[in-house]
Protein backbone atom coordinates (compact mmCIF):
# COMPACT_ATOMS: atom_id res chain seq x y z
CA MET A 1 278.24 36.53 57.13
CA THR A 2 279.55 38.34 60.21
CA ALA A 3 282.29 37.21 62.58
CA ILE A 4 283.78 38.10 65.95
CA VAL A 5 287.33 37.11 66.84
CA VAL A 6 287.98 36.31 70.50
CA SER A 7 291.46 36.05 72.03
CA ILE A 8 291.89 34.61 75.50
CA GLY A 9 294.78 35.07 77.92
CA ASP A 10 295.91 37.15 80.88
CA GLU A 11 299.07 38.06 78.99
CA LEU A 12 296.95 39.70 76.26
CA VAL A 13 294.71 41.63 78.65
CA LEU A 14 297.72 42.87 80.61
CA GLY A 15 299.56 43.96 77.47
CA GLN A 16 302.45 41.59 78.06
CA THR A 17 301.93 39.89 74.69
CA VAL A 18 300.71 41.51 71.47
CA ASP A 19 297.65 39.79 70.01
CA THR A 20 298.73 38.90 66.47
CA ASN A 21 296.17 36.09 66.12
CA SER A 22 293.21 38.44 65.72
CA ALA A 23 294.84 40.45 62.94
CA TRP A 24 295.85 37.29 61.08
CA LEU A 25 292.41 35.72 61.39
CA SER A 26 290.68 38.91 60.25
CA ARG A 27 292.79 39.00 57.09
CA ARG A 28 292.04 35.37 56.34
CA LEU A 29 288.31 35.85 56.92
CA ALA A 30 288.24 38.86 54.59
CA GLU A 31 289.74 36.71 51.84
CA ILE A 32 286.67 34.45 51.92
CA GLY A 33 284.08 37.19 52.32
CA VAL A 34 283.41 36.97 56.06
CA ASP A 35 282.94 40.40 57.61
CA VAL A 36 284.68 40.78 60.99
CA ILE A 37 282.67 43.17 63.16
CA GLU A 38 284.61 42.96 66.42
CA HIS A 39 287.72 41.77 68.25
CA ALA A 40 287.34 40.76 71.90
CA THR A 41 290.06 40.00 74.43
CA VAL A 42 289.28 38.07 77.62
CA ALA A 43 291.35 37.16 80.66
CA ASP A 44 291.94 33.59 81.88
CA ASP A 45 288.77 33.50 83.97
CA GLN A 46 286.20 30.77 83.38
CA LEU A 47 283.13 32.88 84.12
CA GLY A 48 284.50 35.76 82.09
CA ILE A 49 285.21 33.50 79.12
CA GLU A 50 281.75 31.95 79.37
CA ARG A 51 280.08 35.37 79.41
CA ALA A 52 282.13 36.51 76.43
CA LEU A 53 281.30 33.41 74.38
CA ARG A 54 277.60 33.71 75.19
CA ASP A 55 277.63 37.36 74.17
CA VAL A 56 279.41 36.90 70.85
CA ALA A 57 277.31 33.83 69.94
CA ALA A 58 274.22 36.02 70.11
CA ARG A 59 275.66 38.70 67.83
CA CYS A 60 277.43 37.02 64.91
CA ASP A 61 277.32 34.12 62.49
CA VAL A 62 280.87 32.93 63.19
CA ALA A 63 283.09 33.16 66.26
CA LEU A 64 286.78 32.31 66.08
CA VAL A 65 288.25 31.78 69.53
CA SER A 66 291.94 31.25 70.28
CA GLY A 67 293.74 30.60 73.53
CA GLY A 68 293.18 28.87 76.84
CA LEU A 69 293.56 25.27 75.63
CA GLY A 70 296.87 24.47 77.31
CA PRO A 71 297.44 21.88 80.05
CA THR A 72 297.77 24.21 83.06
CA ALA A 73 295.32 25.44 85.67
CA ASP A 74 294.85 28.83 83.99
CA ASP A 75 293.75 27.28 80.67
CA LEU A 76 289.98 27.39 81.07
CA THR A 77 288.43 27.84 77.63
CA ARG A 78 287.22 24.24 77.23
CA GLN A 79 285.63 24.35 80.69
CA ALA A 80 283.88 27.64 79.89
CA LEU A 81 282.59 26.25 76.60
CA ALA A 82 281.25 23.10 78.30
CA SER A 83 279.50 25.23 80.92
CA LEU A 84 277.95 27.42 78.22
CA MET A 85 276.72 24.29 76.40
CA GLN A 86 275.57 22.78 79.73
CA VAL A 87 277.36 19.51 78.99
CA PRO A 88 280.28 17.65 80.64
CA LEU A 89 283.81 17.37 79.30
CA GLU A 90 284.60 13.97 77.84
CA LEU A 91 287.86 12.31 76.91
CA ASN A 92 288.40 12.01 73.16
CA GLU A 93 290.17 8.66 72.93
CA ALA A 94 291.44 9.22 69.40
CA TRP A 95 293.15 12.47 70.35
CA PHE A 96 294.41 11.05 73.64
CA GLY A 97 296.18 8.31 71.69
CA GLU A 98 297.60 10.84 69.24
CA MET A 99 298.98 12.88 72.13
CA HIS A 100 300.84 9.83 73.47
CA ALA A 101 302.28 9.25 69.99
CA PHE A 102 303.25 12.94 69.71
CA PHE A 103 305.31 12.80 72.91
CA ALA A 104 306.81 9.46 71.93
CA ARG A 105 308.06 10.97 68.67
CA LEU A 106 309.81 13.61 70.76
CA GLY A 107 311.31 10.98 73.02
CA ARG A 108 309.35 12.28 76.00
CA THR A 109 306.75 10.86 78.40
CA MET A 110 303.38 12.59 78.50
CA VAL A 111 302.53 13.79 82.01
CA GLU A 112 299.07 13.47 83.54
CA SER A 113 298.33 17.21 83.25
CA ASN A 114 298.27 16.90 79.46
CA ARG A 115 295.19 14.68 79.68
CA ILE A 116 292.96 17.78 79.88
CA GLN A 117 293.97 18.68 76.33
CA ALA A 118 292.05 15.64 75.06
CA MET A 119 288.89 16.64 76.92
CA ILE A 120 286.19 18.30 74.83
CA PRO A 121 282.55 19.17 75.59
CA ARG A 122 280.04 16.43 74.82
CA GLY A 123 278.58 17.03 71.38
CA ALA A 124 281.45 19.22 70.15
CA GLU A 125 283.39 18.26 67.03
CA MET A 126 287.07 17.70 67.68
CA ILE A 127 289.48 19.56 65.37
CA TRP A 128 292.79 17.78 64.76
CA ASN A 129 295.95 19.67 65.74
CA THR A 130 298.72 18.86 63.25
CA CYS A 131 301.54 20.57 65.17
CA GLY A 132 300.66 20.58 68.86
CA THR A 133 298.86 18.81 71.68
CA ALA A 134 295.67 20.84 72.19
CA ALA A 135 292.61 19.59 70.32
CA GLY A 136 290.40 22.25 68.78
CA MET A 137 286.62 22.27 68.92
CA ALA A 138 283.73 23.26 66.69
CA VAL A 139 280.20 23.78 67.99
CA ARG A 140 277.00 25.56 67.07
CA ILE A 141 275.43 27.84 69.63
CA GLY A 142 272.17 29.21 68.28
CA ARG A 143 272.92 31.00 65.00
CA CYS A 144 276.66 31.05 65.66
CA ARG A 145 279.19 28.56 64.37
CA MET A 146 282.04 28.67 66.90
CA PHE A 147 285.57 27.41 66.33
CA VAL A 148 287.87 27.15 69.34
CA MET A 149 291.60 26.88 68.56
CA PRO A 150 294.91 27.02 70.45
CA GLY A 151 296.52 30.38 71.14
CA VAL A 152 299.93 29.29 69.83
CA PRO A 153 300.02 31.08 66.44
CA LYS A 154 301.56 28.17 64.52
CA GLU A 155 298.94 25.73 65.81
CA MET A 156 296.06 28.17 65.33
CA LYS A 157 297.06 28.96 61.74
CA ALA A 158 297.45 25.30 60.80
CA MET A 159 294.05 24.47 62.31
CA PHE A 160 292.35 27.34 60.52
CA GLU A 161 293.82 26.42 57.15
CA SER A 162 293.18 22.68 57.45
CA ARG A 163 289.69 22.76 58.94
CA VAL A 164 288.05 26.14 59.33
CA ARG A 165 288.72 27.99 56.08
CA GLY A 166 287.05 25.43 53.86
CA GLU A 167 283.82 25.31 55.84
CA LEU A 168 283.52 29.07 56.09
CA GLY A 169 284.43 29.59 52.45
CA ASP A 170 281.64 27.26 51.38
CA ALA A 171 279.18 28.96 53.72
CA ALA A 172 280.12 32.41 52.47
CA GLY A 173 279.17 31.33 48.96
CA GLY A 174 282.29 32.57 47.19
CA SER A 175 281.96 36.21 48.19
CA VAL A 176 285.18 38.06 48.99
CA ILE A 177 286.44 41.14 50.79
CA LEU A 178 289.56 42.51 49.11
CA SER A 179 291.58 45.22 50.80
CA ARG A 180 294.23 47.68 49.71
CA THR A 181 296.05 50.35 51.69
CA LEU A 182 297.57 53.54 50.24
CA HIS A 183 300.11 55.43 52.34
CA THR A 184 300.74 59.19 52.54
CA PHE A 185 303.00 61.40 54.62
CA GLY A 186 303.06 65.14 55.10
CA LEU A 187 299.41 66.15 55.48
CA GLY A 188 297.20 65.48 58.50
CA GLU A 189 294.32 63.02 58.48
CA SER A 190 291.69 65.75 58.27
CA ASN A 191 293.36 67.28 55.19
CA VAL A 192 293.59 63.90 53.51
CA GLY A 193 289.94 63.25 54.37
CA GLU A 194 288.88 66.57 52.81
CA ARG A 195 290.63 65.69 49.58
CA LEU A 196 288.98 62.27 49.46
CA GLY A 197 285.58 63.86 50.06
CA ASP A 198 282.60 61.73 49.02
CA LEU A 199 284.80 58.68 48.49
CA MET A 200 284.63 58.26 52.28
CA ASP A 201 280.83 57.93 52.30
CA ARG A 202 280.21 54.94 54.59
CA ARG A 203 277.52 53.63 52.23
CA ARG A 204 280.02 53.30 49.43
CA ASN A 205 281.35 49.97 48.14
CA PRO A 206 284.33 49.77 48.01
CA SER A 207 284.56 51.63 51.31
CA VAL A 208 287.32 54.17 51.91
CA GLY A 209 288.63 55.06 55.36
CA THR A 210 291.72 56.62 56.91
CA THR A 211 293.97 55.64 59.80
CA VAL A 212 297.11 57.23 61.26
CA SER A 213 300.21 55.49 62.57
CA ALA A 214 303.58 57.12 63.31
CA GLY A 215 302.68 60.15 61.21
CA VAL A 216 301.67 58.09 58.17
CA VAL A 217 298.08 58.64 57.05
CA SER A 218 296.87 55.47 55.35
CA ILE A 219 293.81 55.11 53.15
CA ARG A 220 292.17 51.71 53.51
CA ILE A 221 290.02 50.49 50.62
CA ASN A 222 287.76 47.48 51.26
CA ALA A 223 285.79 45.92 48.41
CA ARG A 224 282.97 43.48 49.27
CA TYR A 225 281.63 41.61 46.25
CA ALA A 226 280.21 38.25 45.27
CA GLY A 227 283.22 37.34 43.14
CA ILE A 228 286.92 38.04 43.22
CA ASP A 229 287.11 39.41 39.65
CA GLU A 230 284.51 42.10 40.34
CA ALA A 231 286.17 42.94 43.67
CA ARG A 232 289.50 43.40 41.91
CA ARG A 233 287.98 45.65 39.24
CA GLN A 234 286.25 47.81 41.81
CA ILE A 235 289.26 48.14 44.09
CA GLU A 236 291.43 49.20 41.13
CA ALA A 237 288.85 51.83 40.15
CA THR A 238 288.67 53.23 43.67
CA ASP A 239 292.46 53.19 43.96
CA GLU A 240 292.64 55.35 40.84
CA LEU A 241 290.02 57.79 42.19
CA CYS A 242 291.97 58.18 45.43
CA ARG A 243 295.21 58.83 43.54
CA GLN A 244 293.50 61.42 41.35
CA ARG A 245 292.53 63.38 44.45
CA LEU A 246 295.74 62.89 46.43
CA GLY A 247 298.32 62.96 43.64
CA ALA A 248 301.93 62.50 44.70
CA LEU A 249 300.91 62.45 48.37
CA VAL A 250 300.47 58.70 47.90
CA TYR A 251 303.92 57.20 48.29
CA GLY A 252 303.23 53.50 48.69
CA ILE A 253 300.81 50.63 48.86
CA ASP A 254 300.11 47.90 51.42
CA GLU A 255 303.41 46.78 52.98
CA GLN A 256 305.61 49.33 51.20
CA THR A 257 307.56 51.69 53.48
CA LEU A 258 308.77 55.20 52.73
CA PRO A 259 312.47 54.17 52.72
CA GLN A 260 311.69 51.31 50.32
CA VAL A 261 309.95 53.71 47.97
CA VAL A 262 312.78 56.27 48.12
CA LEU A 263 315.40 53.65 47.34
CA GLY A 264 313.17 52.31 44.57
CA LEU A 265 313.09 55.76 43.00
CA LEU A 266 316.87 56.02 43.30
CA LYS A 267 317.10 52.70 41.48
CA GLU A 268 314.81 53.95 38.71
CA ARG A 269 316.74 57.19 38.35
CA SER A 270 320.01 55.23 38.33
CA ALA A 271 318.76 53.09 35.44
CA ALA A 272 317.72 56.20 33.52
CA ALA A 273 321.07 57.87 34.20
CA GLY A 274 323.08 54.82 33.30
CA ARG A 275 324.94 54.89 36.61
CA GLY A 276 324.27 54.28 40.26
CA LEU A 277 322.95 57.31 42.13
CA THR A 278 323.71 57.54 45.83
CA VAL A 279 322.67 59.44 48.94
CA ALA A 280 324.50 60.50 52.12
CA THR A 281 323.26 61.91 55.41
CA ALA A 282 324.45 64.38 58.05
CA GLU A 283 322.24 64.20 61.13
CA SER A 284 322.07 66.06 64.40
CA CYS A 285 318.75 65.72 66.27
CA THR A 286 317.77 62.50 64.46
CA GLY A 287 320.96 60.81 65.63
CA GLY A 288 321.38 58.58 62.58
CA LEU A 289 317.69 57.67 62.23
CA ILE A 290 317.55 58.59 58.52
CA ALA A 291 320.53 56.36 57.83
CA LYS A 292 318.92 53.58 59.85
CA TYR A 293 315.63 53.80 57.95
CA LEU A 294 317.45 53.63 54.62
CA THR A 295 319.75 50.78 55.63
CA ASP A 296 316.82 48.79 57.04
CA VAL A 297 315.97 48.09 53.39
CA PRO A 298 317.73 45.09 51.80
CA GLY A 299 319.96 46.20 48.93
CA SER A 300 320.43 49.70 50.32
CA SER A 301 324.22 49.35 50.12
CA ALA A 302 323.96 50.06 46.39
CA PHE A 303 322.48 53.50 47.05
CA PHE A 304 323.43 54.64 50.56
CA ARG A 305 326.91 56.12 50.51
CA GLN A 306 327.61 57.06 54.13
CA GLY A 307 326.32 59.07 57.06
CA TRP A 308 327.54 61.33 59.82
CA VAL A 309 325.97 61.82 63.23
CA VAL A 310 327.12 65.31 64.22
CA TYR A 311 325.27 65.92 67.45
CA SER A 312 327.50 68.60 68.94
CA ASN A 313 328.62 71.86 67.42
CA ASP A 314 332.24 70.69 67.57
CA THR A 315 331.51 67.63 65.44
CA LYS A 316 329.54 69.70 62.97
CA THR A 317 332.72 71.68 62.44
CA GLN A 318 335.22 68.84 62.65
CA LEU A 319 333.37 66.22 60.58
CA VAL A 320 331.27 68.07 58.02
CA GLY A 321 333.02 71.43 57.91
CA VAL A 322 330.40 73.79 59.29
CA PRO A 323 332.32 77.02 60.15
CA ALA A 324 332.38 77.76 63.85
CA ALA A 325 331.54 81.39 63.08
CA MET A 326 328.35 80.28 61.27
CA LEU A 327 327.30 78.23 64.30
CA ARG A 328 327.93 81.19 66.64
CA GLU A 329 326.01 83.61 64.43
CA HIS A 330 322.99 81.49 63.47
CA GLY A 331 322.92 78.59 65.93
CA ALA A 332 322.94 74.89 65.11
CA VAL A 333 319.22 74.85 64.31
CA SER A 334 319.23 77.19 61.35
CA GLU A 335 318.99 77.29 57.58
CA PRO A 336 322.63 78.24 56.90
CA VAL A 337 323.92 75.38 59.06
CA VAL A 338 321.81 72.62 57.50
CA ARG A 339 322.56 73.92 54.01
CA CYS A 340 326.26 73.74 54.80
CA MET A 341 325.90 70.28 56.35
CA ALA A 342 324.08 68.94 53.29
CA THR A 343 326.43 70.52 50.76
CA ASN A 344 329.57 69.31 52.49
CA ALA A 345 328.17 65.83 53.12
CA MET A 346 327.42 65.51 49.41
CA LEU A 347 330.87 66.72 48.38
CA MET A 348 332.82 64.74 50.98
CA SER A 349 330.98 61.47 50.29
CA GLU A 350 330.85 62.04 46.52
CA ALA A 351 327.16 61.18 46.67
CA ASP A 352 324.54 62.51 44.29
CA PHE A 353 322.24 63.64 47.10
CA ALA A 354 322.69 64.46 50.77
CA LEU A 355 320.16 65.06 53.53
CA ALA A 356 320.97 67.15 56.59
CA VAL A 357 318.88 67.62 59.73
CA SER A 358 319.29 69.80 62.81
CA GLY A 359 316.59 70.49 65.36
CA ILE A 360 315.29 70.56 68.91
CA ALA A 361 313.76 67.19 69.81
CA GLY A 362 313.12 68.09 73.43
CA PRO A 363 311.89 67.84 76.00
CA ASP A 364 314.27 70.72 76.87
CA GLY A 365 316.16 73.25 74.78
CA GLY A 366 313.30 75.17 73.20
CA THR A 367 313.05 78.98 73.08
CA ALA A 368 310.38 81.45 72.02
CA ASP A 369 311.95 81.69 68.55
CA LYS A 370 312.82 78.02 68.30
CA PRO A 371 310.31 75.96 70.29
CA VAL A 372 310.72 72.26 70.92
CA GLY A 373 309.93 70.47 67.65
CA THR A 374 311.69 73.04 65.44
CA VAL A 375 313.68 71.20 62.78
CA TRP A 376 315.60 72.46 59.76
CA ILE A 377 316.07 69.97 56.93
CA ALA A 378 318.22 70.49 53.85
CA LEU A 379 318.57 68.46 50.67
CA ALA A 380 321.57 68.87 48.38
CA GLY A 381 321.70 67.46 44.88
CA ASP A 382 323.91 67.84 41.83
CA GLU A 383 321.14 69.10 39.61
CA PRO A 384 319.40 72.42 38.86
CA ALA A 385 317.40 72.36 42.09
CA GLY A 386 320.66 72.52 44.02
CA VAL A 387 320.28 72.89 47.78
CA THR A 388 316.85 73.39 49.30
CA ALA A 389 316.05 73.84 52.97
CA ARG A 390 312.80 73.84 54.93
CA ARG A 391 311.84 74.65 58.51
CA PHE A 392 309.29 72.45 60.24
CA VAL A 393 307.75 72.46 63.69
CA PHE A 394 306.74 68.93 64.66
CA VAL A 395 304.52 68.16 67.63
CA GLY A 396 304.79 65.27 70.04
CA ASP A 397 307.38 63.80 72.34
CA ARG A 398 311.08 63.35 71.60
CA GLU A 399 310.62 60.04 69.80
CA MET A 400 307.81 61.39 67.63
CA ILE A 401 309.73 64.53 66.67
CA ARG A 402 312.81 62.56 65.65
CA ASP A 403 310.72 60.06 63.67
CA ARG A 404 308.73 62.75 61.85
CA ALA A 405 311.91 64.67 61.03
CA ALA A 406 313.56 61.59 59.52
CA LYS A 407 310.46 60.79 57.47
CA MET A 408 310.13 64.36 56.28
CA ALA A 409 313.75 64.32 55.11
CA LEU A 410 313.04 61.16 53.11
CA THR A 411 309.87 62.79 51.79
CA MET A 412 311.85 65.79 50.53
CA LEU A 413 314.17 63.41 48.69
CA ARG A 414 311.21 61.48 47.27
CA TYR A 415 309.66 64.61 45.78
CA ARG A 416 313.04 65.65 44.36
CA LEU A 417 313.40 62.26 42.68
CA LEU A 418 309.87 62.56 41.31
CA GLY A 419 310.62 66.04 39.98
CA ALA A 420 307.60 67.38 41.84
CA GLU A 421 306.94 70.20 44.31
CA MET A 422 305.96 69.29 47.84
CA PRO A 423 302.27 70.27 48.34
CA PHE A 424 302.69 71.28 51.98
């Protein structure tokens, strides 16, 4: 069973509002084995909506439509649906009465403009709205079963769960699409794809694909099977095959973030050591971003000791003890300076580990020897590995360079905690 999700609204087309409805609906449809083949976004234009609905009805088994059911002049989805069906809009008395009761419970009087929200095309099934005033609609247009719901996420979700999910689940016959996402950082998408090799064959089930967001290369595994038990077995088997080929590159799964994983490893190492292990930071070009990423994680206060933002050369000397002579001889963006920053940050904070970063985030400040994107990162730790430092050249704009540098610093700490060598 195939589906297309349609979102309606000028604010979506213009980029003023992020369309979260489509992503949510796609996840819910996958859970019941309905394969989403497309997302469509349409402006508040009656002819445009009608054309879009006619098009999707000819190309899928199920269409889920959200938006354009409000009481104002730019809410035109019901009119477009009626025109497509070549029927008039009719007042649904039951819903009209419920709307009056809804406003009465709020201590308000329903205005005349709300009447349109009880109008549905002749022959359409009305879908009850348990938390709003816009009635939903269900119709069949040729092969396509079409559900039209409000654009307000709370109302749309309630309508889907109470009315739509059950019908589609029965129609899908119990089949499921289970998904899992593995996250990596450090190698490009093409390198990750080469390691995965034949696992990315598009004819394979479970399917394996890659996506990139903010430097993180994610491997998406989708298992389509008749039953949930078989889907789970197959997705576990494919997960294991991916990990065999990628090794420690895989740092997390699904909603896990890199900072969460790093702090989780610190927690594990703390338990093994019988005491709480901590980390500190000394940051120049990242401006406190590493500390922010770590402290975004609930419970980080048990593991994050403190951080310094030492953006100028003076503060590098005054706050973390980098000798002025070292800065004059080597420059702020250099191996000796970040090693000194990391070592002193660890000693001054009495932390077990310290990360130090200094670089050129741009857009200005680059030279032939140190182009924009050059970043030195050092990791200090009170163990045999001692202090290690690496030079990286990140590409992108200022925001991207700072983000990649912070993530690479956390990645260096992750590999240290794993006791593994970085493979890049």
